Amino acid sequence: MLKIYNTGKDTNKFEEINTFEKGSWINLVNPSEEEIKKVCDNLQIQEDFIRDSLDFEEKARIDIEEDDGTILFVVDVPIIEKTKDGNDIYTTMPLGMIVVRDDFFITVALKKNKVISTFEKGSWINLVNPSEGRNKKSMW
């Protein structure tokens, strides 16, 4: 699933958009091959960091790809899974966060999770873009 979000220039509201605009947050959850290719082609980045983030065994790390100006942060986020008999199992999965130059922020996960869901709902604390001043909400 591919979703793109940005803060509307006219409305100053956090909203889902359909195009890759500078300053956007791109969220990928269990993306298809076509979605991975679409993001990489539009942002002119390599696929490695996205694919690494989709490896359930990926360990927390930071990596820099100087060729295309990307930085990867992988963290483990908690998730709850159900067993066959209905019990909860608490575990973690990797969440990839990719900074693409000063233009885009990408999150990549195998499954939906509460960390990303909170941001998608817009229920995040006022994040401020230092270049826009403290009076505006922004992705960064």
C-alpha atoms as a PDB file:
ATOM      1  CA  MET A   1       0.000   0.000   0.000  1.00  0.00           C
ATOM      2  CA  LEU A   2       1.356   3.381  -1.028  1.00  0.00           C
ATOM      3  CA  LYS A   3       0.087   6.609   0.501  1.00  0.00           C
ATOM      4  CA  ILE A   4       1.482  10.109   0.154  1.00  0.00           C
ATOM      5  CA  TYR A   5       0.815  12.876   2.690  1.00  0.00           C
ATOM      6  CA  ASN A   6       1.630  16.547   2.921  1.00  0.00           C
ATOM      7  CA  THR A   7       0.523  19.691   4.678  1.00  0.00           C
ATOM      8  CA  GLY A   8      -1.691  21.703   2.332  1.00  0.00           C
ATOM      9  CA  LYS A   9      -0.147  25.037   1.414  1.00  0.00           C
ATOM     10  CA  ASP A  10      -3.521  26.800   1.372  1.00  0.00           C
ATOM     11  CA  THR A  11      -5.279  24.901   4.160  1.00  0.00           C
ATOM     12  CA  ASN A  12      -2.286  24.197   6.434  1.00  0.00           C
ATOM     13  CA  LYS A  13      -3.957  20.811   7.069  1.00  0.00           C
ATOM     14  CA  PHE A  14      -2.333  17.411   6.968  1.00  0.00           C
ATOM     15  CA  GLU A  15      -3.848  15.542   4.016  1.00  0.00           C
ATOM     16  CA  GLU A  16      -3.380  12.618   1.666  1.00  0.00           C
ATOM     17  CA  ILE A  17      -2.292  13.620  -1.842  1.00  0.00           C
ATOM     18  CA  ASN A  18      -1.840  11.756  -5.139  1.00  0.00           C
ATOM     19  CA  THR A  19       1.443  13.190  -6.395  1.00  0.00           C
ATOM     20  CA  PHE A  20       5.058  13.188  -5.250  1.00  0.00           C
ATOM     21  CA  GLU A  21       5.532  16.756  -4.009  1.00  0.00           C
ATOM     22  CA  LYS A  22       8.626  18.082  -2.305  1.00  0.00           C
ATOM     23  CA  GLY A  23       8.194  17.914   1.460  1.00  0.00           C
ATOM     24  CA  SER A  24       5.855  14.903   1.329  1.00  0.00           C
ATOM     25  CA  TRP A  25       5.745  11.860   3.581  1.00  0.00           C
ATOM     26  CA  ILE A  26       5.503   8.637   1.584  1.00  0.00           C
ATOM     27  CA  ASN A  27       4.202   5.670   3.556  1.00  0.00           C
ATOM     28  CA  LEU A  28       4.695   2.148   2.219  1.00  0.00           C
ATOM     29  CA  VAL A  29       3.057  -0.809   3.994  1.00  0.00           C
ATOM     30  CA  ASN A  30       3.769  -4.197   2.431  1.00  0.00           C
ATOM     31  CA  PRO A  31       4.251  -2.499  -0.956  1.00  0.00           C
ATOM     32  CA  SER A  32       3.884  -4.293  -4.276  1.00  0.00           C
ATOM     33  CA  GLU A  33       6.721  -4.436  -6.788  1.00  0.00           C
ATOM     34  CA  GLU A  34       4.951  -1.757  -8.828  1.00  0.00           C
ATOM     35  CA  GLU A  35       4.679   0.574  -5.821  1.00  0.00           C
ATOM     36  CA  ILE A  36       8.374   0.165  -4.970  1.00  0.00           C
ATOM     37  CA  LYS A  37       9.350   0.899  -8.564  1.00  0.00           C
ATOM     38  CA  LYS A  38       6.978   3.894  -8.754  1.00  0.00           C
ATOM     39  CA  VAL A  39       8.493   5.488  -5.639  1.00  0.00           C
ATOM     40  CA  CYS A  40      12.087   4.815  -6.675  1.00  0.00           C
ATOM     41  CA  ASP A  41      11.562   6.075 -10.226  1.00  0.00           C
ATOM     42  CA  ASN A  42       9.779   9.263  -9.127  1.00  0.00           C
ATOM     43  CA  LEU A  43      12.283  10.075  -6.366  1.00  0.00           C
ATOM     44  CA  GLN A  44      15.302   8.851  -8.327  1.00  0.00           C
ATOM     45  CA  ILE A  45      16.541   6.572  -5.556  1.00  0.00           C
ATOM     46  CA  GLN A  46      17.767   2.985  -5.421  1.00  0.00           C
ATOM     47  CA  GLU A  47      15.473   0.202  -4.184  1.00  0.00           C
ATOM     48  CA  ASP A  48      17.909  -1.214  -1.607  1.00  0.00           C
ATOM     49  CA  PHE A  49      16.774   0.779   1.432  1.00  0.00           C
ATOM     50  CA  ILE A  50      13.103   0.024   0.775  1.00  0.00           C
ATOM     51  CA  ARG A  51      13.785  -3.678   0.307  1.00  0.00           C
ATOM     52  CA  ASP A  52      16.026  -3.815   3.396  1.00  0.00           C
ATOM     53  CA  SER A  53      13.205  -2.341   5.488  1.00  0.00           C
ATOM     54  CA  LEU A  54      10.875  -5.131   4.324  1.00  0.00           C
ATOM     55  CA  ASP A  55      13.151  -7.874   5.676  1.00  0.00           C
ATOM     56  CA  PHE A  56      11.534  -9.095   8.910  1.00  0.00           C
ATOM     57  CA  GLU A  57      14.984 -10.071  10.222  1.00  0.00           C
ATOM     58  CA  GLU A  58      16.492  -6.608   9.556  1.00  0.00           C
ATOM     59  CA  LYS A  59      18.266  -5.216  12.624  1.00  0.00           C
ATOM     60  CA  ALA A  60      18.117  -1.627  13.840  1.00  0.00           C
ATOM     61  CA  ARG A  61      20.741   0.461  12.056  1.00  0.00           C
ATOM     62  CA  ILE A  62      21.602   3.695  10.283  1.00  0.00           C
ATOM     63  CA  ASP A  63      23.020   3.723   6.765  1.00  0.00           C
ATOM     64  CA  ILE A  64      23.880   6.407   4.202  1.00  0.00           C
ATOM     65  CA  GLU A  65      23.734   6.050   0.415  1.00  0.00           C
ATOM     66  CA  GLU A  66      25.767   8.932  -0.942  1.00  0.00           C
ATOM     67  CA  ASP A  67      24.982   8.105  -4.600  1.00  0.00           C
ATOM     68  CA  ASP A  68      21.361   9.224  -4.317  1.00  0.00           C
ATOM     69  CA  GLY A  69      21.462  11.314  -1.132  1.00  0.00           C
ATOM     70  CA  THR A  70      19.417   8.993   1.104  1.00  0.00           C
ATOM     71  CA  ILE A  71      19.736   8.120   4.772  1.00  0.00           C
ATOM     72  CA  LEU A  72      18.118   4.990   6.197  1.00  0.00           C
ATOM     73  CA  PHE A  73      17.097   4.574   9.826  1.00  0.00           C
ATOM     74  CA  VAL A  74      15.757   1.153  10.805  1.00  0.00           C
ATOM     75  CA  VAL A  75      14.136   0.790  14.222  1.00  0.00           C
ATOM     76  CA  ASP A  76      12.178  -2.059  15.782  1.00  0.00           C
ATOM     77  CA  VAL A  77       8.571  -1.179  16.604  1.00  0.00           C
ATOM     78  CA  PRO A  78       6.267  -3.232  18.816  1.00  0.00           C
ATOM     79  CA  ILE A  79       3.392  -5.157  17.278  1.00  0.00           C
ATOM     80  CA  ILE A  80       0.747  -7.527  18.605  1.00  0.00           C
ATOM     81  CA  GLU A  81      -0.012 -10.679  16.645  1.00  0.00           C
ATOM     82  CA  LYS A  82      -2.748 -13.224  17.279  1.00  0.00           C
ATOM     83  CA  THR A  83      -2.034 -16.925  17.640  1.00  0.00           C
ATOM     84  CA  LYS A  84      -4.323 -19.567  16.147  1.00  0.00           C
ATOM     85  CA  ASP A  85      -6.046 -19.945  19.518  1.00  0.00           C
ATOM     86  CA  GLY A  86      -6.655 -16.181  19.820  1.00  0.00           C
ATOM     87  CA  ASN A  87      -3.904 -15.262  22.282  1.00  0.00           C
ATOM     88  CA  ASP A  88      -1.794 -12.144  21.828  1.00  0.00           C
ATOM     89  CA  ILE A  89       1.904 -12.390  21.076  1.00  0.00           C
ATOM     90  CA  TYR A  90       4.002  -9.264  21.580  1.00  0.00           C
ATOM     91  CA  THR A  91       6.929  -8.943  19.205  1.00  0.00           C
ATOM     92  CA  THR A  92       8.732  -6.349  17.106  1.00  0.00           C
ATOM     93  CA  MET A  93       9.215  -5.677  13.407  1.00  0.00           C
ATOM     94  CA  PRO A  94      11.497  -3.319  11.508  1.00  0.00           C
ATOM     95  CA  LEU A  95      10.291   0.116  10.499  1.00  0.00           C
ATOM     96  CA  GLY A  96      12.418   1.804   7.864  1.00  0.00           C
ATOM     97  CA  MET A  97      12.570   5.589   7.738  1.00  0.00           C
ATOM     98  CA  ILE A  98      14.317   7.029   4.716  1.00  0.00           C
ATOM     99  CA  VAL A  99      15.275  10.671   4.331  1.00  0.00           C
ATOM    100  CA  VAL A 100      15.622  11.524   0.635  1.00  0.00           C
ATOM    101  CA  ARG A 101      17.845  14.563   0.348  1.00  0.00           C
ATOM    102  CA  ASP A 102      15.824  17.472   1.795  1.00  0.00           C
ATOM    103  CA  ASP A 103      12.867  16.532  -0.386  1.00  0.00           C
ATOM    104  CA  PHE A 104      10.969  13.496   0.953  1.00  0.00           C
ATOM    105  CA  PHE A 105      10.491  11.299   4.006  1.00  0.00           C
ATOM    106  CA  ILE A 106       9.619   7.637   3.430  1.00  0.00           C
ATOM    107  CA  THR A 107       8.402   5.087   5.967  1.00  0.00           C
ATOM    108  CA  VAL A 108       8.443   1.389   5.099  1.00  0.00           C
ATOM    109  CA  ALA A 109       6.885  -1.488   7.039  1.00  0.00           C
ATOM    110  CA  LEU A 110       5.695  -5.027   6.391  1.00  0.00           C
ATOM    111  CA  LYS A 111       2.456  -4.507   8.324  1.00  0.00           C
ATOM    112  CA  LYS A 112       0.301  -1.688   9.621  1.00  0.00           C
ATOM    113  CA  ASN A 113       1.420  -0.595  13.065  1.00  0.00           C
ATOM    114  CA  LYS A 114       0.329   1.873  15.729  1.00  0.00           C
ATOM    115  CA  VAL A 115       3.360   4.102  15.307  1.00  0.00           C
ATOM    116  CA  ILE A 116       2.502   4.925  11.693  1.00  0.00           C
ATOM    117  CA  SER A 117      -1.281   4.810  12.248  1.00  0.00           C
ATOM    118  CA  THR A 118      -0.938   7.621  14.792  1.00  0.00           C
ATOM    119  CA  PHE A 119       0.751   9.829  12.208  1.00  0.00           C
ATOM    120  CA  GLU A 120      -1.723   8.895   9.476  1.00  0.00           C
ATOM    121  CA  LYS A 121      -4.616  10.002  11.673  1.00  0.00           C
ATOM    122  CA  GLY A 122      -2.923  13.337  12.169  1.00  0.00           C
ATOM    123  CA  SER A 123      -2.873  12.812  15.938  1.00  0.00           C
ATOM    124  CA  TRP A 124       0.739  13.797  16.294  1.00  0.00           C
ATOM    125  CA  ILE A 125       2.191  16.579  18.350  1.00  0.00           C
ATOM    126  CA  ASN A 126       2.825  19.748  16.361  1.00  0.00           C
ATOM    127  CA  LEU A 127       5.869  18.953  14.295  1.00  0.00           C
ATOM    128  CA  VAL A 128       7.603  22.048  13.065  1.00  0.00           C
ATOM    129  CA  ASN A 129       9.634  22.633   9.939  1.00  0.00           C
ATOM    130  CA  PRO A 130      12.424  24.931  11.165  1.00  0.00           C
ATOM    131  CA  SER A 131      12.438  26.749   7.837  1.00  0.00           C
ATOM    132  CA  GLU A 132       8.740  27.636   8.192  1.00  0.00           C
ATOM    133  CA  GLY A 133       8.867  28.924  11.745  1.00  0.00           C
ATOM    134  CA  ARG A 134       6.976  27.804  14.825  1.00  0.00           C
ATOM    135  CA  ASN A 135       3.532  28.968  13.703  1.00  0.00           C
ATOM    136  CA  LYS A 136       2.965  26.289  11.046  1.00  0.00           C
ATOM    137  CA  LYS A 137       2.342  22.563  11.254  1.00  0.00           C
ATOM    138  CA  SER A 138       4.508  20.589   8.913  1.00  0.00           C
ATOM    139  CA  MET A 139       5.852  17.101   8.307  1.00  0.00           C
ATOM    140  CA  TRP A 140       9.338  18.321   9.312  1.00  0.00           C
END
